[in-house]
Every structure is written in C-alpha cells, then in structure tokens.
Amino acid sequence: MTNRIRVAVLATNAEGFLDLYLSFVEATDLEYSESQQYDMALAQAEDGGYRVPMIAFDQNDAAADVLRHADEFMEGDTDEV
C-alpha cells in the first residue's frame, strides 16, 4: 500500500529563476522511511523542466512549517523572523 505525500521542490525553472515545484508522490512506508519520496519528487521536477540546484522537502519536514511562516513574512503579515 502507498501513501500520498505532498512534496515541494525548490529548483531553477526553465527561465533560470528559482521556483517551487509542488507535487504529490506515492510512496510505501519502506520507501518513505528510506527518504525515497525526495528522489521521486526531484525526478518529477526534472521531467517538468526544472534544473539544479534542487532540494525537496515533504509535508512533515520542518521546512514545510518554515515555508508557511515565510509566506506570512514575505506578504508583510508578520514582522517576526
């Protein structure tokens, strides 16, 4: 059985700008425990025209929480860093 996992990839898009590629990956518990969800998402991003540098994080990583805070910070909704 697989689990549907949300993954974001920070990567360079076709125009050469940093961008976020958002995707779902299907991973078994074993694949997840071996962190294969990142490789799956990186491959999807590459197939979508994204290039290195690339780094992936999933919905359970600390980076996902930081991304939520970063959105508030960038929009000016908070002055807390």
PDB file of N, CA and C in Angstrom:
ATOM      1  N   MET A   1       0.843  -1.182   0.000  1.00  0.00           N
ATOM      2  CA  MET A   1       0.000   0.000   0.000  1.00  0.00           C
ATOM      3  C   MET A   1       0.887   1.244   0.000  1.00  0.00           C
ATOM      4  N   THR A   2       0.423   2.280  -0.701  1.00  0.00           N
ATOM      5  CA  THR A   2       1.204   3.511  -0.776  1.00  0.00           C
ATOM      6  C   THR A   2       0.484   4.645  -0.059  1.00  0.00           C
ATOM      7  N   ASN A   3       1.255   5.653   0.263  1.00  0.00           N
ATOM      8  CA  ASN A   3       0.744   6.864   0.887  1.00  0.00           C
ATOM      9  C   ASN A   3       0.973   8.020  -0.069  1.00  0.00           C
ATOM     10  N   ARG A   4       0.010   8.909  -0.145  1.00  0.00           N
ATOM     11  CA  ARG A   4       0.149  10.101  -0.981  1.00  0.00           C
ATOM     12  C   ARG A   4       0.798  11.189  -0.143  1.00  0.00           C
ATOM     13  N   ILE A   5       1.943  11.668  -0.594  1.00  0.00           N
ATOM     14  CA  ILE A   5       2.736  12.625   0.175  1.00  0.00           C
ATOM     15  C   ILE A   5       2.903  13.905  -0.629  1.00  0.00           C
ATOM     16  N   ARG A   6       2.702  15.019   0.019  1.00  0.00           N
ATOM     17  CA  ARG A   6       2.920  16.322  -0.609  1.00  0.00           C
ATOM     18  C   ARG A   6       4.405  16.664  -0.500  1.00  0.00           C
ATOM     19  N   VAL A   7       4.982  17.054  -1.627  1.00  0.00           N
ATOM     20  CA  VAL A   7       6.397  17.399  -1.650  1.00  0.00           C
ATOM     21  C   VAL A   7       6.585  18.693  -2.434  1.00  0.00           C
ATOM     22  N   ALA A   8       7.424  19.570  -1.911  1.00  0.00           N
ATOM     23  CA  ALA A   8       7.806  20.793  -2.610  1.00  0.00           C
ATOM     24  C   ALA A   8       9.275  20.679  -2.988  1.00  0.00           C
ATOM     25  N   VAL A   9       9.596  21.157  -4.178  1.00  0.00           N
ATOM     26  CA  VAL A   9      10.977  21.147  -4.648  1.00  0.00           C
ATOM     27  C   VAL A   9      11.352  22.583  -4.974  1.00  0.00           C
ATOM     28  N   LEU A  10      12.374  23.090  -4.302  1.00  0.00           N
ATOM     29  CA  LEU A  10      12.936  24.389  -4.637  1.00  0.00           C
ATOM     30  C   LEU A  10      13.945  24.134  -5.736  1.00  0.00           C
ATOM     31  N   ALA A  11      13.735  24.751  -6.904  1.00  0.00           N
ATOM     32  CA  ALA A  11      14.565  24.440  -8.065  1.00  0.00           C
ATOM     33  C   ALA A  11      14.624  25.633  -9.007  1.00  0.00           C
ATOM     34  N   THR A  12      15.460  25.501 -10.017  1.00  0.00           N
ATOM     35  CA  THR A  12      15.573  26.505 -11.063  1.00  0.00           C
ATOM     36  C   THR A  12      14.625  26.131 -12.188  1.00  0.00           C
ATOM     37  N   ASN A  13      13.758  27.069 -12.580  1.00  0.00           N
ATOM     38  CA  ASN A  13      12.804  26.774 -13.650  1.00  0.00           C
ATOM     39  C   ASN A  13      13.445  26.983 -15.020  1.00  0.00           C
ATOM     40  N   ALA A  14      12.682  26.767 -16.069  1.00  0.00           N
ATOM     41  CA  ALA A  14      13.202  26.843 -17.435  1.00  0.00           C
ATOM     42  C   ALA A  14      13.725  28.231 -17.787  1.00  0.00           C
ATOM     43  N   GLU A  15      13.230  29.263 -17.120  1.00  0.00           N
ATOM     44  CA  GLU A  15      13.699  30.623 -17.379  1.00  0.00           C
ATOM     45  C   GLU A  15      14.943  30.974 -16.569  1.00  0.00           C
ATOM     46  N   GLY A  16      15.379  30.050 -15.704  1.00  0.00           N
ATOM     47  CA  GLY A  16      16.573  30.275 -14.893  1.00  0.00           C
ATOM     48  C   GLY A  16      16.323  30.926 -13.551  1.00  0.00           C
ATOM     49  N   PHE A  17      15.051  31.028 -13.162  1.00  0.00           N
ATOM     50  CA  PHE A  17      14.706  31.643 -11.886  1.00  0.00           C
ATOM     51  C   PHE A  17      14.359  30.573 -10.851  1.00  0.00           C
ATOM     52  N   LEU A  18      14.632  30.887  -9.584  1.00  0.00           N
ATOM     53  CA  LEU A  18      14.238  29.972  -8.516  1.00  0.00           C
ATOM     54  C   LEU A  18      12.723  29.913  -8.444  1.00  0.00           C
ATOM     55  N   ASP A  19      12.223  28.717  -8.214  1.00  0.00           N
ATOM     56  CA  ASP A  19      10.786  28.482  -8.228  1.00  0.00           C
ATOM     57  C   ASP A  19      10.491  27.304  -7.312  1.00  0.00           C
ATOM     58  N   LEU A  20       9.234  27.152  -6.945  1.00  0.00           N
ATOM     59  CA  LEU A  20       8.794  25.981  -6.192  1.00  0.00           C
ATOM     60  C   LEU A  20       7.978  25.088  -7.109  1.00  0.00           C
ATOM     61  N   TYR A  21       8.373  23.840  -7.183  1.00  0.00           N
ATOM     62  CA  TYR A  21       7.626  22.822  -7.907  1.00  0.00           C
ATOM     63  C   TYR A  21       6.864  22.019  -6.860  1.00  0.00           C
ATOM     64  N   LEU A  22       5.548  21.982  -6.955  1.00  0.00           N
ATOM     65  CA  LEU A  22       4.716  21.282  -5.980  1.00  0.00           C
ATOM     66  C   LEU A  22       4.184  20.003  -6.596  1.00  0.00           C
ATOM     67  N   SER A  23       4.259  18.911  -5.829  1.00  0.00           N
ATOM     68  CA  SER A  23       3.801  17.643  -6.381  1.00  0.00           C
ATOM     69  C   SER A  23       3.317  16.704  -5.282  1.00  0.00           C
ATOM     70  N   PHE A  24       2.653  15.662  -5.733  1.00  0.00           N
ATOM     71  CA  PHE A  24       2.300  14.539  -4.885  1.00  0.00           C
ATOM     72  C   PHE A  24       3.139  13.356  -5.344  1.00  0.00           C
ATOM     73  N   VAL A  25       3.596  12.547  -4.409  1.00  0.00           N
ATOM     74  CA  VAL A  25       4.255  11.291  -4.754  1.00  0.00           C
ATOM     75  C   VAL A  25       3.565  10.170  -3.988  1.00  0.00           C
ATOM     76  N   GLU A  26       3.586   9.009  -4.572  1.00  0.00           N
ATOM     77  CA  GLU A  26       3.042   7.813  -3.930  1.00  0.00           C
ATOM     78  C   GLU A  26       4.228   6.991  -3.436  1.00  0.00           C
ATOM     79  N   ALA A  27       4.302   6.774  -2.128  1.00  0.00           N
ATOM     80  CA  ALA A  27       5.424   6.039  -1.551  1.00  0.00           C
ATOM     81  C   ALA A  27       4.922   5.041  -0.515  1.00  0.00           C
ATOM     82  N   THR A  28       5.540   3.880  -0.518  1.00  0.00           N
ATOM     83  CA  THR A  28       5.238   2.896   0.513  1.00  0.00           C
ATOM     84  C   THR A  28       5.878   3.349   1.818  1.00  0.00           C
ATOM     85  N   ASP A  29       5.525   2.715   2.905  1.00  0.00           N
ATOM     86  CA  ASP A  29       6.143   3.034   4.193  1.00  0.00           C
ATOM     87  C   ASP A  29       7.653   2.815   4.133  1.00  0.00           C
ATOM     88  N   LEU A  30       8.078   1.750   3.472  1.00  0.00           N
ATOM     89  CA  LEU A  30       9.509   1.475   3.348  1.00  0.00           C
ATOM     90  C   LEU A  30      10.189   2.572   2.528  1.00  0.00           C
ATOM     91  N   GLU A  31       9.594   2.939   1.400  1.00  0.00           N
ATOM     92  CA  GLU A  31      10.176   3.999   0.576  1.00  0.00           C
ATOM     93  C   GLU A  31      10.267   5.300   1.366  1.00  0.00           C
ATOM     94  N   TYR A  32       9.228   5.601   2.132  1.00  0.00           N
ATOM     95  CA  TYR A  32       9.236   6.823   2.934  1.00  0.00           C
ATOM     96  C   TYR A  32      10.319   6.765   4.000  1.00  0.00           C
ATOM     97  N   SER A  33      10.446   5.625   4.652  1.00  0.00           N
ATOM     98  CA  SER A  33      11.468   5.500   5.700  1.00  0.00           C
ATOM     99  C   SER A  33      12.881   5.606   5.133  1.00  0.00           C
ATOM    100  N   GLU A  34      13.022   5.304   3.846  1.00  0.00           N
ATOM    101  CA  GLU A  34      14.318   5.432   3.171  1.00  0.00           C
ATOM    102  C   GLU A  34      14.454   6.770   2.439  1.00  0.00           C
ATOM    103  N   SER A  35      13.508   7.682   2.678  1.00  0.00           N
ATOM    104  CA  SER A  35      13.511   9.033   2.103  1.00  0.00           C
ATOM    105  C   SER A  35      13.453   9.049   0.581  1.00  0.00           C
ATOM    106  N   GLN A  36      12.858   8.023  -0.013  1.00  0.00           N
ATOM    107  CA  GLN A  36      12.777   7.960  -1.465  1.00  0.00           C
ATOM    108  C   GLN A  36      11.757   8.939  -2.042  1.00  0.00           C
ATOM    109  N   GLN A  37      10.884   9.483  -1.201  1.00  0.00           N
ATOM    110  CA  GLN A  37       9.912  10.456  -1.697  1.00  0.00           C
ATOM    111  C   GLN A  37      10.609  11.676  -2.288  1.00  0.00           C
ATOM    112  N   TYR A  38      11.778  12.015  -1.746  1.00  0.00           N
ATOM    113  CA  TYR A  38      12.520  13.160  -2.269  1.00  0.00           C
ATOM    114  C   TYR A  38      13.025  12.879  -3.685  1.00  0.00           C
ATOM    115  N   ASP A  39      13.598  11.696  -3.871  1.00  0.00           N
ATOM    116  CA  ASP A  39      14.092  11.334  -5.198  1.00  0.00           C
ATOM    117  C   ASP A  39      12.965  11.303  -6.221  1.00  0.00           C
ATOM    118  N   MET A  40      11.805  10.801  -5.808  1.00  0.00           N
ATOM    119  CA  MET A  40      10.649  10.762  -6.704  1.00  0.00           C
ATOM    120  C   MET A  40      10.239  12.174  -7.124  1.00  0.00           C
ATOM    121  N   ALA A  41      10.172  13.081  -6.158  1.00  0.00           N
ATOM    122  CA  ALA A  41       9.764  14.454  -6.445  1.00  0.00           C
ATOM    123  C   ALA A  41      10.813  15.175  -7.289  1.00  0.00           C
ATOM    124  N   LEU A  42      12.088  14.934  -7.011  1.00  0.00           N
ATOM    125  CA  LEU A  42      13.151  15.552  -7.814  1.00  0.00           C
ATOM    126  C   LEU A  42      13.057  15.086  -9.263  1.00  0.00           C
ATOM    127  N   ALA A  43      12.776  13.804  -9.465  1.00  0.00           N
ATOM    128  CA  ALA A  43      12.630  13.268 -10.822  1.00  0.00           C
ATOM    129  C   ALA A  43      11.431  13.902 -11.521  1.00  0.00           C
ATOM    130  N   GLN A  44      10.321  14.079 -10.806  1.00  0.00           N
ATOM    131  CA  GLN A  44       9.146  14.727 -11.387  1.00  0.00           C
ATOM    132  C   GLN A  44       9.476  16.162 -11.798  1.00  0.00           C
ATOM    133  N   ALA A  45      10.176  16.870 -10.916  1.00  0.00           N
ATOM    134  CA  ALA A  45      10.536  18.255 -11.216  1.00  0.00           C
ATOM    135  C   ALA A  45      11.435  18.322 -12.449  1.00  0.00           C
ATOM    136  N   GLU A  46      12.402  17.431 -12.516  1.00  0.00           N
ATOM    137  CA  GLU A  46      13.295  17.398 -13.668  1.00  0.00           C
ATOM    138  C   GLU A  46      12.513  17.117 -14.946  1.00  0.00           C
ATOM    139  N   ASP A  47      11.578  16.177 -14.867  1.00  0.00           N
ATOM    140  CA  ASP A  47      10.719  15.876 -16.023  1.00  0.00           C
ATOM    141  C   ASP A  47       9.883  17.091 -16.421  1.00  0.00           C
ATOM    142  N   GLY A  48       9.598  17.945 -15.458  1.00  0.00           N
ATOM    143  CA  GLY A  48       8.810  19.146 -15.711  1.00  0.00           C
ATOM    144  C   GLY A  48       9.641  20.334 -16.171  1.00  0.00           C
ATOM    145  N   GLY A  49      10.933  20.110 -16.416  1.00  0.00           N
ATOM    146  CA  GLY A  49      11.778  21.172 -16.938  1.00  0.00           C
ATOM    147  C   GLY A  49      12.582  21.930 -15.901  1.00  0.00           C
ATOM    148  N   TYR A  50      12.527  21.506 -14.658  1.00  0.00           N
ATOM    149  CA  TYR A  50      13.299  22.163 -13.603  1.00  0.00           C
ATOM    150  C   TYR A  50      14.705  21.600 -13.557  1.00  0.00           C
ATOM    151  N   ARG A  51      15.630  22.417 -13.090  1.00  0.00           N
ATOM    152  CA  ARG A  51      17.045  22.039 -13.070  1.00  0.00           C
ATOM    153  C   ARG A  51      17.673  22.358 -11.717  1.00  0.00           C
ATOM    154  N   VAL A  52      18.881  21.838 -11.531  1.00  0.00           N
ATOM    155  CA  VAL A  52      19.650  22.082 -10.306  1.00  0.00           C
ATOM    156  C   VAL A  52      20.024  23.555 -10.229  1.00  0.00           C
ATOM    157  N   PRO A  53      20.163  24.071  -9.051  1.00  0.00           N
ATOM    158  CA  PRO A  53      20.088  23.345  -7.782  1.00  0.00           C
ATOM    159  C   PRO A  53      18.639  23.011  -7.431  1.00  0.00           C
ATOM    160  N   MET A  54      18.455  21.833  -6.843  1.00  0.00           N
ATOM    161  CA  MET A  54      17.133  21.390  -6.415  1.00  0.00           C
ATOM    162  C   MET A  54      17.235  20.788  -5.017  1.00  0.00           C
ATOM    163  N   ILE A  55      16.268  21.115  -4.208  1.00  0.00           N
ATOM    164  CA  ILE A  55      16.153  20.497  -2.888  1.00  0.00           C
ATOM    165  C   ILE A  55      14.673  20.247  -2.630  1.00  0.00           C
ATOM    166  N   ALA A  56      14.376  19.086  -2.084  1.00  0.00           N
ATOM    167  CA  ALA A  56      12.982  18.693  -1.854  1.00  0.00           C
ATOM    168  C   ALA A  56      12.711  18.563  -0.362  1.00  0.00           C
ATOM    169  N   PHE A  57      11.473  18.875   0.006  1.00  0.00           N
ATOM    170  CA  PHE A  57      11.026  18.630   1.376  1.00  0.00           C
ATOM    171  C   PHE A  57       9.554  18.257   1.338  1.00  0.00           C
ATOM    172  N   ASP A  58       9.157  17.413   2.297  1.00  0.00           N
ATOM    173  CA  ASP A  58       7.770  16.964   2.299  1.00  0.00           C
ATOM    174  C   ASP A  58       6.971  17.651   3.393  1.00  0.00           C
ATOM    175  N   GLN A  59       5.696  17.331   3.423  1.00  0.00           N
ATOM    176  CA  GLN A  59       4.756  17.971   4.325  1.00  0.00           C
ATOM    177  C   GLN A  59       5.091  17.783   5.796  1.00  0.00           C
ATOM    178  N   ASN A  60       5.922  16.811   6.122  1.00  0.00           N
ATOM    179  CA  ASN A  60       6.262  16.535   7.516  1.00  0.00           C
ATOM    180  C   ASN A  60       7.603  17.124   7.938  1.00  0.00           C
ATOM    181  N   ASP A  61       8.331  17.719   7.002  1.00  0.00           N
ATOM    182  CA  ASP A  61       9.632  18.295   7.316  1.00  0.00           C
ATOM    183  C   ASP A  61       9.474  19.657   7.984  1.00  0.00           C
ATOM    184  N   ALA A  62      10.461  20.025   8.776  1.00  0.00           N
ATOM    185  CA  ALA A  62      10.462  21.339   9.419  1.00  0.00           C
ATOM    186  C   ALA A  62      10.398  22.452   8.372  1.00  0.00           C
ATOM    187  N   ALA A  63      10.971  22.226   7.205  1.00  0.00           N
ATOM    188  CA  ALA A  63      10.962  23.241   6.147  1.00  0.00           C
ATOM    189  C   ALA A  63       9.534  23.591   5.724  1.00  0.00           C
ATOM    190  N   ALA A  64       8.606  22.658   5.809  1.00  0.00           N
ATOM    191  CA  ALA A  64       7.211  22.947   5.452  1.00  0.00           C
ATOM    192  C   ALA A  64       6.628  23.983   6.408  1.00  0.00           C
ATOM    193  N   ASP A  65       6.939  23.864   7.698  1.00  0.00           N
ATOM    194  CA  ASP A  65       6.468  24.853   8.664  1.00  0.00           C
ATOM    195  C   ASP A  65       7.122  26.206   8.409  1.00  0.00           C
ATOM    196  N   VAL A  66       8.405  26.194   8.087  1.00  0.00           N
ATOM    197  CA  VAL A  66       9.109  27.442   7.805  1.00  0.00           C
ATOM    198  C   VAL A  66       8.528  28.098   6.560  1.00  0.00           C
ATOM    199  N   LEU A  67       8.144  27.315   5.564  1.00  0.00           N
ATOM    200  CA  LEU A  67       7.549  27.856   4.351  1.00  0.00           C
ATOM    201  C   LEU A  67       6.248  28.590   4.663  1.00  0.00           C
ATOM    202  N   ARG A  68       5.458  28.037   5.567  1.00  0.00           N
ATOM    203  CA  ARG A  68       4.218  28.709   5.962  1.00  0.00           C
ATOM    204  C   ARG A  68       4.523  30.068   6.595  1.00  0.00           C
ATOM    205  N   HIS A  69       5.516  30.090   7.462  1.00  0.00           N
ATOM    206  CA  HIS A  69       5.918  31.343   8.114  1.00  0.00           C
ATOM    207  C   HIS A  69       6.528  32.299   7.088  1.00  0.00           C
ATOM    208  N   ALA A  70       7.307  31.776   6.155  1.00  0.00           N
ATOM    209  CA  ALA A  70       7.934  32.616   5.130  1.00  0.00           C
ATOM    210  C   ALA A  70       6.878  33.321   4.289  1.00  0.00           C
ATOM    211  N   ASP A  71       5.782  32.637   3.995  1.00  0.00           N
ATOM    212  CA  ASP A  71       4.708  33.257   3.230  1.00  0.00           C
ATOM    213  C   ASP A  71       4.153  34.459   3.985  1.00  0.00           C
ATOM    214  N   GLU A  72       3.897  34.298   5.273  1.00  0.00           N
ATOM    215  CA  GLU A  72       3.399  35.404   6.085  1.00  0.00           C
ATOM    216  C   GLU A  72       4.417  36.540   6.124  1.00  0.00           C
ATOM    217  N   PHE A  73       5.682  36.201   6.263  1.00  0.00           N
ATOM    218  CA  PHE A  73       6.743  37.191   6.329  1.00  0.00           C
ATOM    219  C   PHE A  73       6.853  37.962   5.010  1.00  0.00           C
ATOM    220  N   MET A  74       6.865  37.257   3.886  1.00  0.00           N
ATOM    221  CA  MET A  74       7.024  37.892   2.582  1.00  0.00           C
ATOM    222  C   MET A  74       5.823  38.761   2.225  1.00  0.00           C
ATOM    223  N   GLU A  75       4.637  38.376   2.687  1.00  0.00           N
ATOM    224  CA  GLU A  75       3.434  39.146   2.423  1.00  0.00           C
ATOM    225  C   GLU A  75       3.282  40.333   3.368  1.00  0.00           C
ATOM    226  N   GLY A  76       4.150  40.413   4.384  1.00  0.00           N
ATOM    227  CA  GLY A  76       4.076  41.514   5.329  1.00  0.00           C
ATOM    228  C   GLY A  76       3.066  41.302   6.425  1.00  0.00           C
ATOM    229  N   ASP A  77       2.580  40.075   6.574  1.00  0.00           N
ATOM    230  CA  ASP A  77       1.588  39.779   7.606  1.00  0.00           C
ATOM    231  C   ASP A  77       2.216  39.624   8.989  1.00  0.00           C
ATOM    232  N   THR A  78       3.556  39.539   9.028  1.00  0.00           N
ATOM    233  CA  THR A  78       4.246  39.428  10.310  1.00  0.00           C
ATOM    234  C   THR A  78       5.598  40.119  10.182  1.00  0.00           C
ATOM    235  N   ASP A  79       6.065  40.647  11.298  1.00  0.00           N
ATOM    236  CA  ASP A  79       7.394  41.258  11.334  1.00  0.00           C
ATOM    237  C   ASP A  79       8.374  40.344  12.059  1.00  0.00           C
ATOM    238  N   GLU A  80       7.905  39.161  12.423  1.00  0.00           N
ATOM    239  CA  GLU A  80       8.764  38.207  13.125  1.00  0.00           C
ATOM    240  C   GLU A  80       9.571  37.402  12.124  1.00  0.00           C
ATOM    241  N   VAL A  81      10.845  37.278  12.402  1.00  0.00           N
ATOM    242  CA  VAL A  81      11.717  36.486  11.547  1.00  0.00           C
ATOM    243  C   VAL A  81      11.837  35.102  12.122  1.00  0.00           C
TER     244      VAL A  81
END
